[in-house]
């Protein structure tokens, strides 16, 4: 299996997750891809909780066919 970088999503706007996981390899292209990821991971950041936990978070991705959404809060302590 070869390693390949698919890019990063650093902007906190609707439809741009912190991490997207695909089950199929996206086609080679210089344009934006139109594949729906299988999994989206949102990492809660200070000041963006309303976006990540609100309608622009998990509900947005699930509406467009993402199968799973994981929301991770790095400030949450394990018990």
Protein backbone atom coordinates (compact mmCIF):
# COMPACT_ATOMS: atom_id res chain seq x y z
CA UNK A 1 0.00 0.00 0.00
CA UNK A 2 1.39 3.42 -0.86
CA UNK A 3 1.12 6.43 1.40
CA UNK A 4 -0.70 9.43 0.03
CA UNK A 5 -1.60 12.81 1.45
CA UNK A 6 -5.13 14.00 0.72
CA UNK A 7 -4.74 17.49 2.19
CA UNK A 8 -5.83 19.35 5.30
CA UNK A 9 -8.96 21.16 6.39
CA UNK A 10 -7.89 24.00 8.64
CA UNK A 11 -10.70 26.51 8.17
CA UNK A 12 -13.59 26.35 10.63
CA UNK A 13 -16.46 26.98 8.23
CA UNK A 14 -19.47 24.76 7.52
CA UNK A 15 -18.44 21.74 5.51
CA UNK A 16 -14.76 21.89 6.42
CA UNK A 17 -13.87 19.34 9.04
CA UNK A 18 -10.65 18.99 11.02
CA UNK A 19 -10.10 15.50 9.58
CA UNK A 20 -11.91 13.51 6.88
CA UNK A 21 -11.44 9.77 6.34
CA UNK A 22 -12.26 8.21 2.97
CA UNK A 23 -12.85 4.51 2.24
CA UNK A 24 -12.03 5.00 -1.43
CA UNK A 25 -9.00 6.78 -2.81
CA UNK A 26 -9.97 10.14 -4.31
CA UNK A 27 -9.01 10.65 -7.95
CA UNK A 28 -5.88 12.61 -8.80
CA UNK A 29 -7.00 16.16 -9.44
CA UNK A 30 -5.90 19.74 -8.99
CA UNK A 31 -9.54 20.65 -8.28
CA UNK A 32 -11.56 20.17 -5.11
CA UNK A 33 -12.80 16.62 -4.69
CA UNK A 34 -16.50 15.84 -4.48
CA UNK A 35 -16.29 12.53 -2.60
CA UNK A 36 -18.21 12.22 0.66
CA UNK A 37 -15.92 11.05 3.46
CA UNK A 38 -16.92 7.97 5.47
CA UNK A 39 -15.90 9.62 8.74
CA UNK A 40 -15.43 13.23 9.83
CA UNK A 41 -13.50 14.13 12.99
CA UNK A 42 -14.13 17.49 14.64
CA UNK A 43 -11.67 18.61 17.31
CA UNK A 44 -13.28 21.15 19.62
CA UNK A 45 -11.35 24.40 19.72
CA UNK A 46 -11.89 27.30 22.11
CA UNK A 47 -14.31 29.73 20.53
CA UNK A 48 -15.67 27.22 18.00
CA UNK A 49 -17.77 25.02 20.30
CA UNK A 50 -21.06 26.45 18.98
CA UNK A 51 -20.05 25.66 15.40
CA UNK A 52 -18.69 22.18 16.15
CA UNK A 53 -21.61 21.16 18.40
CA UNK A 54 -24.38 23.08 16.59
CA UNK A 55 -26.20 22.62 13.28
CA UNK A 56 -23.01 23.32 11.29
CA UNK A 57 -21.30 20.37 13.01
CA UNK A 58 -22.46 16.73 13.04
CA UNK A 59 -25.99 17.39 11.66
CA UNK A 60 -24.49 19.15 8.61
CA UNK A 61 -22.17 16.24 7.78
CA UNK A 62 -24.80 13.56 8.41
CA UNK A 63 -27.29 15.37 6.15
CA UNK A 64 -24.80 15.15 3.27
CA UNK A 65 -24.10 11.43 3.68
CA UNK A 66 -21.14 11.18 6.05
CA UNK A 67 -21.64 7.88 7.90
CA UNK A 68 -19.94 8.76 11.19
CA UNK A 69 -18.96 11.98 12.95
CA UNK A 70 -16.54 11.94 15.88
CA UNK A 71 -16.31 15.02 18.10
CA UNK A 72 -13.16 15.09 20.22
CA UNK A 73 -12.59 17.53 23.09
CA UNK A 74 -8.86 17.53 23.96
CA UNK A 75 -9.67 19.41 27.18
CA UNK A 76 -11.87 16.57 28.47
CA UNK A 77 -10.11 14.56 31.20
CA UNK A 78 -10.34 10.76 31.27
CA UNK A 79 -11.95 9.35 34.37
